[in-house]
C-alpha atoms as a PDB file:
ATOM      1  CA  MET A   1      -3.223   2.831   2.937  1.00  0.00           C
ATOM      2  CA  ALA A   2      -3.459   1.241  -0.481  1.00  0.00           C
ATOM      3  CA  VAL A   3      -1.837  -1.653  -2.305  1.00  0.00           C
ATOM      4  CA  ALA A   4      -1.642  -1.520  -6.090  1.00  0.00           C
ATOM      5  CA  ASP A   5      -0.626  -4.031  -8.729  1.00  0.00           C
ATOM      6  CA  ARG A   6       2.124  -3.504 -11.290  1.00  0.00           C
ATOM      7  CA  ASN A   7      -0.226  -1.398 -13.454  1.00  0.00           C
ATOM      8  CA  GLY A   8      -1.156   0.936 -10.617  1.00  0.00           C
ATOM      9  CA  LEU A   9      -4.661  -0.477 -10.173  1.00  0.00           C
ATOM     10  CA  PRO A  10      -5.917  -0.924  -6.606  1.00  0.00           C
ATOM     11  CA  VAL A  11      -5.620  -4.372  -5.030  1.00  0.00           C
ATOM     12  CA  ALA A  12      -6.423  -3.483  -1.412  1.00  0.00           C
ATOM     13  CA  VAL A  13      -7.324  -0.370   0.562  1.00  0.00           C
ATOM     14  CA  GLY A  14      -7.722   0.329   4.240  1.00  0.00           C
ATOM     15  CA  ILE A  15      -8.046   3.242   6.629  1.00  0.00           C
ATOM     16  CA  ALA A  16      -6.844   3.767  10.193  1.00  0.00           C
ATOM     17  CA  SER A  17      -6.265   6.547  12.672  1.00  0.00           C
ATOM     18  CA  GLY A  18      -3.328   8.865  12.157  1.00  0.00           C
ATOM     19  CA  GLU A  19      -1.410   7.705  15.225  1.00  0.00           C
ATOM     20  CA  ARG A  20      -0.669   4.224  13.886  1.00  0.00           C
ATOM     21  CA  GLY A  21       2.534   3.571  12.002  1.00  0.00           C
ATOM     22  CA  GLU A  22       2.336   2.379   8.424  1.00  0.00           C
ATOM     23  CA  THR A  23       4.272  -0.807   9.098  1.00  0.00           C
ATOM     24  CA  THR A  24       1.524  -2.004  11.429  1.00  0.00           C
ATOM     25  CA  LEU A  25      -1.117  -1.449   8.750  1.00  0.00           C
ATOM     26  CA  VAL A  26       0.463  -3.514   5.971  1.00  0.00           C
ATOM     27  CA  GLU A  27      -0.824  -6.906   7.111  1.00  0.00           C
ATOM     28  CA  GLU A  28      -4.322  -5.564   7.865  1.00  0.00           C
ATOM     29  CA  THR A  29      -4.528  -3.963   4.427  1.00  0.00           C
ATOM     30  CA  LEU A  30      -3.399  -7.146   2.701  1.00  0.00           C
ATOM     31  CA  GLU A  31      -6.184  -9.056   4.465  1.00  0.00           C
ATOM     32  CA  GLN A  32      -8.746  -6.649   2.955  1.00  0.00           C
ATOM     33  CA  ARG A  33      -7.599  -7.200  -0.628  1.00  0.00           C
ATOM     34  CA  PHE A  34     -10.016  -7.447  -3.556  1.00  0.00           C
ATOM     35  CA  VAL A  35      -8.273 -10.442  -5.171  1.00  0.00           C
ATOM     36  CA  ASP A  36      -7.549 -13.916  -3.823  1.00  0.00           C
ATOM     37  CA  GLU A  37      -3.807 -14.030  -4.458  1.00  0.00           C
ATOM     38  CA  LEU A  38      -1.207 -12.234  -2.373  1.00  0.00           C
ATOM     39  CA  PRO A  39       1.233 -10.092  -4.351  1.00  0.00           C
ATOM     40  CA  ALA A  40       4.718 -11.560  -4.759  1.00  0.00           C
ATOM     41  CA  ASN A  41       6.459  -8.225  -4.092  1.00  0.00           C
ATOM     42  CA  LEU A  42       5.520  -5.121  -2.133  1.00  0.00           C
ATOM     43  CA  ILE A  43       7.318  -1.849  -2.789  1.00  0.00           C
ATOM     44  CA  GLY A  44       7.383   0.764  -0.039  1.00  0.00           C
ATOM     45  CA  ASP A  45       9.413   3.752   1.038  1.00  0.00           C
ATOM     46  CA  THR A  46      12.041   3.906   3.786  1.00  0.00           C
ATOM     47  CA  ALA A  47       9.448   3.694   6.567  1.00  0.00           C
ATOM     48  CA  TYR A  48       8.692   0.098   5.558  1.00  0.00           C
ATOM     49  CA  ASP A  49      12.264  -1.087   6.240  1.00  0.00           C
ATOM     50  CA  SER A  50      11.470  -3.174   9.300  1.00  0.00           C
ATOM     51  CA  ASN A  51      12.904  -6.570  10.183  1.00  0.00           C
ATOM     52  CA  LYS A  52       9.678  -7.564  11.937  1.00  0.00           C
ATOM     53  CA  LEU A  53       7.575  -6.655   8.887  1.00  0.00           C
ATOM     54  CA  ASP A  54       9.982  -8.456   6.552  1.00  0.00           C
ATOM     55  CA  ALA A  55       9.728 -11.635   8.644  1.00  0.00           C
ATOM     56  CA  ALA A  56       5.925 -11.488   8.853  1.00  0.00           C
ATOM     57  CA  LEU A  57       5.545 -10.985   5.108  1.00  0.00           C
ATOM     58  CA  LYS A  58       8.114 -13.654   4.272  1.00  0.00           C
ATOM     59  CA  GLU A  59       5.978 -16.205   6.152  1.00  0.00           C
ATOM     60  CA  LYS A  60       3.128 -15.342   3.785  1.00  0.00           C
ATOM     61  CA  GLY A  61       5.368 -15.537   0.708  1.00  0.00           C
ATOM     62  CA  VAL A  62       5.569 -11.795   0.064  1.00  0.00           C
ATOM     63  CA  GLU A  63       8.875  -9.995  -0.488  1.00  0.00           C
ATOM     64  CA  MET A  64       9.159  -6.432   0.838  1.00  0.00           C
ATOM     65  CA  ILE A  65      11.265  -4.033  -1.260  1.00  0.00           C
ATOM     66  CA  ALA A  66      12.192  -0.856   0.573  1.00  0.00           C
ATOM     67  CA  PRO A  67      15.298   1.355   0.724  1.00  0.00           C
ATOM     68  CA  VAL A  68      17.442   0.883   3.799  1.00  0.00           C
ATOM     69  CA  ASN A  69      16.495   3.082   6.714  1.00  0.00           C
ATOM     70  CA  ALA A  70      19.579   4.899   8.020  1.00  0.00           C
ATOM     71  CA  ARG A  71      18.751   3.873  11.616  1.00  0.00           C
ATOM     72  CA  HIS A  72      18.960   0.142  10.857  1.00  0.00           C
ATOM     73  CA  THR A  73      22.335  -1.521  10.795  1.00  0.00           C
ATOM     74  CA  LYS A  74      21.205  -5.115  10.219  1.00  0.00           C
ATOM     75  CA  ASN A  75      20.309  -6.659   6.864  1.00  0.00           C
ATOM     76  CA  LYS A  76      21.954  -4.174   4.525  1.00  0.00           C
ATOM     77  CA  GLN A  77      20.725  -4.656   0.967  1.00  0.00           C
ATOM     78  CA  ASP A  78      23.025  -4.902  -2.020  1.00  0.00           C
ATOM     79  CA  GLY A  79      20.747  -2.788  -4.225  1.00  0.00           C
ATOM     80  CA  ARG A  80      19.719  -5.291  -6.875  1.00  0.00           C
ATOM     81  CA  ARG A  81      16.185  -5.615  -5.487  1.00  0.00           C
ATOM     82  CA  LEU A  82      15.903  -1.836  -5.256  1.00  0.00           C
ATOM     83  CA  ARG A  83      15.795  -1.524  -9.041  1.00  0.00           C
ATOM     84  CA  ARG A  84      12.129  -2.396  -8.695  1.00  0.00           C
ATOM     85  CA  TYR A  85      11.717   0.617  -6.397  1.00  0.00           C
ATOM     86  CA  ARG A  86      11.668   2.803  -9.515  1.00  0.00           C
ATOM     87  CA  ARG A  87       8.136   1.524 -10.154  1.00  0.00           C
ATOM     88  CA  ARG A  88       6.859   3.158  -6.961  1.00  0.00           C
ATOM     89  CA  TRP A  89       5.496   6.061  -9.008  1.00  0.00           C
ATOM     90  CA  LYS A  90       2.589   3.834  -9.989  1.00  0.00           C
ATOM     91  CA  ILE A  91       1.219   3.754  -6.437  1.00  0.00           C
ATOM     92  CA  GLU A  92       1.610   7.538  -6.287  1.00  0.00           C
ATOM     93  CA  ARG A  93      -0.411   7.720  -9.507  1.00  0.00           C
ATOM     94  CA  LEU A  94      -3.145   5.658  -7.847  1.00  0.00           C
ATOM     95  CA  PHE A  95      -3.341   8.203  -5.031  1.00  0.00           C
ATOM     96  CA  ALA A  96      -3.527  10.996  -7.615  1.00  0.00           C
ATOM     97  CA  TRP A  97      -6.439   9.192  -9.284  1.00  0.00           C
ATOM     98  CA  MET A  98      -8.158   8.833  -5.919  1.00  0.00           C
ATOM     99  CA  MET A  99      -7.724  12.542  -5.150  1.00  0.00           C
ATOM    100  CA  ARG A 100      -9.919  13.351  -8.154  1.00  0.00           C
ATOM    101  CA  PHE A 101     -12.902  12.270  -6.036  1.00  0.00           C
ATOM    102  CA  ARG A 102     -14.108  15.184  -3.939  1.00  0.00           C
ATOM    103  CA  ARG A 103     -15.439  12.978  -1.140  1.00  0.00           C
ATOM    104  CA  LEU A 104     -11.939  11.649  -0.532  1.00  0.00           C
ATOM    105  CA  VAL A 105     -10.059  14.941  -0.654  1.00  0.00           C
ATOM    106  CA  THR A 106     -12.107  16.408   2.185  1.00  0.00           C
ATOM    107  CA  ARG A 107     -13.496  13.879   4.593  1.00  0.00           C
ATOM    108  CA  TYR A 108     -17.128  14.822   5.149  1.00  0.00           C
ATOM    109  CA  GLU A 109     -18.127  11.551   6.842  1.00  0.00           C
ATOM    110  CA  HIS A 110     -17.939  11.199  10.599  1.00  0.00           C
ATOM    111  CA  LYS A 111     -17.995   7.413  10.607  1.00  0.00           C
ATOM    112  CA  ALA A 112     -14.986   5.479   9.389  1.00  0.00           C
ATOM    113  CA  GLU A 113     -17.174   2.813   7.742  1.00  0.00           C
ATOM    114  CA  ASN A 114     -18.803   5.407   5.492  1.00  0.00           C
ATOM    115  CA  PHE A 115     -15.461   6.880   4.473  1.00  0.00           C
ATOM    116  CA  LEU A 116     -14.040   3.412   3.746  1.00  0.00           C
ATOM    117  CA  GLY A 117     -17.107   2.743   1.602  1.00  0.00           C
ATOM    118  CA  PHE A 118     -16.393   5.848  -0.484  1.00  0.00           C
ATOM    119  CA  VAL A 119     -12.732   4.841  -0.807  1.00  0.00           C
ATOM    120  CA  LYS A 120     -13.769   1.405  -2.091  1.00  0.00           C
ATOM    121  CA  LEU A 121     -16.296   3.007  -4.425  1.00  0.00           C
ATOM    122  CA  ALA A 122     -13.532   5.202  -5.849  1.00  0.00           C
ATOM    123  CA  CYS A 123     -11.416   2.070  -6.388  1.00  0.00           C
ATOM    124  CA  ILE A 124     -14.291   0.434  -8.243  1.00  0.00           C
ATOM    125  CA  VAL A 125     -14.654   3.462 -10.519  1.00  0.00           C
ATOM    126  CA  ILE A 126     -10.889   3.496 -11.167  1.00  0.00           C
ATOM    127  CA  LEU A 127     -10.941  -0.196 -12.037  1.00  0.00           C
ATOM    128  CA  LEU A 128     -13.928   0.244 -14.355  1.00  0.00           C
ATOM    129  CA  ARG A 129     -12.238   3.125 -16.176  1.00  0.00           C
ATOM    130  CA  ARG A 130      -9.022   1.186 -16.750  1.00  0.00           C
ATOM    131  CA  ILE A 131     -10.502  -2.175 -17.713  1.00  0.00           C
END
């Protein structure tokens, strides 16, 4: 999981096993961020439309922007906040930049710590190229 800023540069990255849902990883990933400040807005896809996640992030001062999941009937959005959802392509671009690193495309490392180290190293290289 990765969190990017408005320019598509990495702010936080984290890894976890495949069985865990993405909504449970958001808070853990935000704790592992590279910068001191929390982002004001987070943009995610339909899987991030969770009342529990919205409440947890609101306590920290972060607003979650996600399209309404068809299964949820509470808290329907009026669509004005979803205009920011058009910027989601920037996080997809970050993942495309990360897939240019061969060590990340195919996971050769057996230990999660080593793989996370290579992911963070790729983020450092991306930041150095863009700054």
